Amino acid sequence: MKAAERFEFFRRLRDANPAPQTELEYASPFQLLIAVILSAQATDRSVNLATRRLFADAPDAASLLALGEEKLADYICRIGLYRTKAKNVIATCRQLLAQHNGEPPNSREALEALPGVGRKTANVVLNVVFGEPTIAVDTHLFRLANRTGLAPGKTPLAVETALLRLIPKEFRQHAHHWLILHGRYICKARRPECWQCSLTDLCRYREKSPSP
């Protein structure tokens, strides 16, 4: 995709949704961090169903740590890999309280040192909480970047690196939300809804889906 096409690609996404937001529900930076940890290999909907009750009872690191792994597991048992996630969340709360006053740190290195926090989770927190123009590459964004020709890459890190290099500066702050949402609702895995996509003339995908 050429530079002018990339600019138009993001201009259209911005015009359609000027201020995109994560679909995870949270009331504090700490809650966002926990929600993103829980969202690995799970839908935002399933995470929100669990965290509405969880955050009402344990809204911060100290109260969540006090639950312990077993009680936390009861809250999140319908989320995939919930036992591993319960272990990681409790360990993260303990580390946050010991090293960061119970709040998410604002550096990638410190975030990725937390149990259960990888590069994607760190990127979400850095972007949403601290306003950094990072790109969190999930399965939707990875698929879209390759399918459309926007930033082809064999790994999430390769796609992230390419996007940070190629996306015009004025679009970087919200780019990962636009791409994730477009991949989730329009450029779907099994059958992209090309007939209602505003980017079809810019997209390099050859097997565009016809209108049902």
Protein backbone atom coordinates (compact mmCIF):
# COMPACT_ATOMS: atom_id res chain seq x y z
CA MET A 1 0.00 0.00 0.00
CA LYS A 2 1.39 3.39 -1.00
CA ALA A 3 1.83 6.29 1.42
CA ALA A 4 -1.10 8.24 0.00
CA GLU A 5 -3.32 5.17 0.25
CA ARG A 6 -2.30 4.58 3.88
CA PHE A 7 -3.15 8.18 4.71
CA GLU A 8 -6.57 7.82 3.10
CA PHE A 9 -7.07 4.47 4.86
CA PHE A 10 -6.68 6.06 8.29
CA ARG A 11 -8.46 9.26 7.35
CA ARG A 12 -11.60 7.26 6.60
CA LEU A 13 -11.31 5.29 9.84
CA ARG A 14 -10.88 8.52 11.80
CA ASP A 15 -13.81 10.23 10.11
CA ALA A 16 -16.05 7.27 10.96
CA ASN A 17 -14.89 7.08 14.59
CA PRO A 18 -12.90 10.14 15.73
CA ALA A 19 -12.36 8.98 19.33
CA PRO A 20 -12.26 5.16 19.46
CA GLN A 21 -12.24 3.44 22.84
CA THR A 22 -11.39 -0.03 24.10
CA GLU A 23 -14.46 -2.21 24.59
CA LEU A 24 -13.13 -3.48 27.90
CA GLU A 25 -14.94 -1.96 30.87
CA TYR A 26 -12.81 -0.34 33.60
CA ALA A 27 -12.85 2.54 36.05
CA SER A 28 -9.13 2.97 36.75
CA PRO A 29 -5.72 2.24 35.18
CA PHE A 30 -5.38 -0.74 37.52
CA GLN A 31 -8.69 -2.19 36.37
CA LEU A 32 -7.73 -1.75 32.72
CA LEU A 33 -4.48 -3.64 33.32
CA ILE A 34 -6.32 -6.54 34.95
CA ALA A 35 -8.99 -6.60 32.24
CA VAL A 36 -6.36 -6.76 29.49
CA ILE A 37 -4.53 -9.60 31.28
CA LEU A 38 -7.82 -11.49 31.45
CA SER A 39 -8.64 -10.80 27.80
CA ALA A 40 -5.84 -12.98 26.39
CA GLN A 41 -7.49 -15.67 24.24
CA ALA A 42 -10.90 -14.49 25.43
CA THR A 43 -13.55 -12.10 24.14
CA ASP A 44 -14.01 -8.63 25.61
CA ARG A 45 -17.64 -9.57 26.25
CA SER A 46 -16.71 -12.53 28.47
CA VAL A 47 -14.16 -10.43 30.34
CA ASN A 48 -16.66 -7.62 30.94
CA LEU A 49 -19.23 -10.07 32.30
CA ALA A 50 -16.67 -11.28 34.85
CA THR A 51 -15.10 -7.96 35.79
CA ARG A 52 -18.39 -6.16 36.44
CA ARG A 53 -18.84 -8.34 39.50
CA LEU A 54 -15.13 -8.66 40.28
CA PHE A 55 -14.36 -4.92 40.26
CA ALA A 56 -17.48 -4.15 42.28
CA ASP A 57 -16.13 -6.37 45.06
CA ALA A 58 -12.39 -5.83 44.54
CA PRO A 59 -11.72 -2.52 42.76
CA ASP A 60 -8.01 -2.13 43.54
CA ALA A 61 -4.82 -4.13 43.95
CA ALA A 62 -5.09 -4.55 47.72
CA SER A 63 -8.68 -5.79 47.72
CA LEU A 64 -8.09 -8.07 44.75
CA LEU A 65 -4.99 -9.55 46.37
CA ALA A 66 -7.02 -10.19 49.51
CA LEU A 67 -9.37 -12.43 47.50
CA GLY A 68 -6.63 -14.95 46.80
CA GLU A 69 -6.38 -17.26 43.81
CA GLU A 70 -9.31 -19.55 44.61
CA LYS A 71 -11.86 -16.80 45.19
CA LEU A 72 -10.62 -14.89 42.15
CA ALA A 73 -10.98 -18.05 40.07
CA ASP A 74 -14.65 -18.21 41.03
CA TYR A 75 -15.19 -14.75 39.52
CA ILE A 76 -13.39 -15.50 36.25
CA CYS A 77 -14.13 -19.21 35.76
CA ARG A 78 -15.95 -18.63 32.46
CA ILE A 79 -12.89 -16.99 30.91
CA GLY A 80 -10.40 -19.18 29.07
CA LEU A 81 -7.26 -20.21 30.98
CA TYR A 82 -8.83 -18.80 34.12
CA ARG A 83 -6.66 -20.67 36.63
CA THR A 84 -3.42 -19.49 35.06
CA LYS A 85 -4.85 -15.99 34.83
CA ALA A 86 -5.94 -16.05 38.47
CA LYS A 87 -2.41 -17.00 39.50
CA ASN A 88 -0.89 -14.24 37.35
CA VAL A 89 -3.35 -11.56 38.49
CA ILE A 90 -2.72 -12.29 42.18
CA ALA A 91 1.04 -12.21 41.59
CA THR A 92 0.70 -8.97 39.63
CA CYS A 93 -1.30 -7.35 42.43
CA ARG A 94 1.37 -8.37 44.94
CA GLN A 95 4.11 -6.92 42.75
CA LEU A 96 2.20 -3.70 42.06
CA LEU A 97 1.72 -3.12 45.78
CA ALA A 98 5.34 -3.89 46.58
CA GLN A 99 6.93 -1.88 43.79
CA HIS A 100 4.45 0.61 42.31
CA ASN A 101 2.01 1.70 45.06
CA GLY A 102 -0.66 -0.55 43.57
CA GLU A 103 -0.77 1.26 40.23
CA PRO A 104 0.43 0.25 36.74
CA PRO A 105 3.91 1.60 36.00
CA ASN A 106 4.42 3.85 32.99
CA SER A 107 7.34 2.04 31.37
CA ARG A 108 7.29 -0.95 29.05
CA GLU A 109 10.07 -2.69 30.96
CA ALA A 110 8.25 -2.44 34.30
CA LEU A 111 4.92 -3.49 32.78
CA GLU A 112 6.38 -6.54 31.05
CA ALA A 113 8.02 -7.55 34.34
CA LEU A 114 4.53 -8.14 35.79
CA PRO A 115 3.21 -11.74 35.73
CA GLY A 116 0.89 -12.32 32.79
CA VAL A 117 1.85 -9.09 31.01
CA GLY A 118 3.34 -9.42 27.54
CA ARG A 119 4.08 -6.87 24.87
CA LYS A 120 0.47 -6.57 23.67
CA THR A 121 -0.90 -5.94 27.17
CA ALA A 122 1.86 -3.43 27.87
CA ASN A 123 1.07 -1.61 24.63
CA VAL A 124 -2.61 -1.30 25.52
CA VAL A 125 -1.82 0.19 28.94
CA LEU A 126 0.83 2.53 27.54
CA ASN A 127 -1.59 3.75 24.87
CA VAL A 128 -4.84 4.01 26.80
CA VAL A 129 -3.54 5.08 30.21
CA PHE A 130 -0.39 7.00 29.37
CA GLY A 131 -1.24 8.30 25.89
CA GLU A 132 1.70 6.74 24.08
CA PRO A 133 1.21 6.07 20.34
CA THR A 134 1.77 2.33 20.62
CA ILE A 135 0.27 -0.45 18.51
CA ALA A 136 -1.20 -3.47 20.33
CA VAL A 137 -1.27 -6.26 17.75
CA ASP A 138 -4.00 -8.78 18.53
CA THR A 139 -5.34 -11.47 16.19
CA HIS A 140 -7.79 -9.06 14.52
CA LEU A 141 -5.14 -6.44 13.82
CA PHE A 142 -2.59 -9.02 12.66
CA ARG A 143 -5.08 -10.48 10.19
CA LEU A 144 -6.17 -7.08 8.88
CA ALA A 145 -2.64 -5.74 8.43
CA ASN A 146 -1.70 -8.77 6.33
CA ARG A 147 -4.98 -9.20 4.45
CA THR A 148 -5.30 -5.58 3.35
CA GLY A 149 -1.63 -5.11 2.51
CA LEU A 150 -1.39 -2.28 5.03
CA ALA A 151 1.64 -3.73 6.84
CA PRO A 152 2.33 -7.39 6.01
CA GLY A 153 4.41 -9.31 8.53
CA LYS A 154 5.01 -12.88 9.68
CA THR A 155 4.86 -12.10 13.40
CA PRO A 156 2.92 -9.64 15.59
CA LEU A 157 6.17 -7.81 16.37
CA ALA A 158 6.97 -7.48 12.66
CA VAL A 159 3.51 -6.03 12.02
CA GLU A 160 3.81 -3.68 14.99
CA THR A 161 7.22 -2.44 13.84
CA ALA A 162 5.97 -1.90 10.29
CA LEU A 163 2.88 -0.03 11.42
CA LEU A 164 4.87 2.29 13.68
CA ARG A 165 7.06 3.10 10.71
CA LEU A 166 4.30 3.44 8.12
CA ILE A 167 1.30 5.03 9.88
CA PRO A 168 1.23 8.82 9.48
CA LYS A 169 2.05 10.48 12.80
CA GLU A 170 -1.32 12.18 13.20
CA PHE A 171 -3.10 8.80 13.24
CA ARG A 172 -0.80 6.77 15.53
CA GLN A 173 -2.50 7.51 18.83
CA HIS A 174 -5.78 5.82 17.87
CA ALA A 175 -4.55 3.52 15.09
CA HIS A 176 -4.61 0.25 17.00
CA HIS A 177 -8.19 0.82 18.19
CA TRP A 178 -9.39 1.62 14.68
CA LEU A 179 -7.70 -1.48 13.28
CA ILE A 180 -8.85 -3.83 16.04
CA LEU A 181 -12.45 -2.66 15.80
CA HIS A 182 -12.43 -2.87 11.99
CA GLY A 183 -11.00 -6.39 12.16
CA ARG A 184 -13.51 -7.42 14.82
CA TYR A 185 -16.67 -6.15 13.10
CA ILE A 186 -15.93 -5.76 9.38
CA CYS A 187 -12.75 -7.56 8.27
CA LYS A 188 -13.75 -10.77 10.03
CA ALA A 189 -11.67 -13.94 9.95
CA ARG A 190 -14.00 -16.38 8.17
CA ARG A 191 -15.89 -14.00 5.93
CA PRO A 192 -14.87 -10.35 5.75
CA GLU A 193 -17.89 -8.12 5.18
CA CYS A 194 -16.36 -6.40 2.18
CA TRP A 195 -19.77 -5.23 0.94
CA GLN A 196 -20.05 -2.77 3.83
CA CYS A 197 -16.38 -1.83 4.15
CA SER A 198 -15.37 1.76 3.44
CA LEU A 199 -11.83 0.69 2.53
CA THR A 200 -12.43 -1.81 -0.27
CA ASP A 201 -10.86 0.34 -2.99
CA LEU A 202 -7.66 0.61 -0.93
CA CYS A 203 -7.55 -3.01 0.22
CA ARG A 204 -5.23 -5.54 -1.49
CA TYR A 205 -7.36 -8.56 -0.55
CA ARG A 206 -8.21 -10.31 -3.82
CA GLU A 207 -11.05 -12.58 -2.72
CA LYS A 208 -13.47 -9.89 -1.61
CA SER A 209 -16.72 -11.24 -0.22
CA PRO A 210 -19.89 -10.44 -2.20
CA SER A 211 -23.00 -9.07 -0.53
CA PRO A 212 -25.13 -11.87 0.96
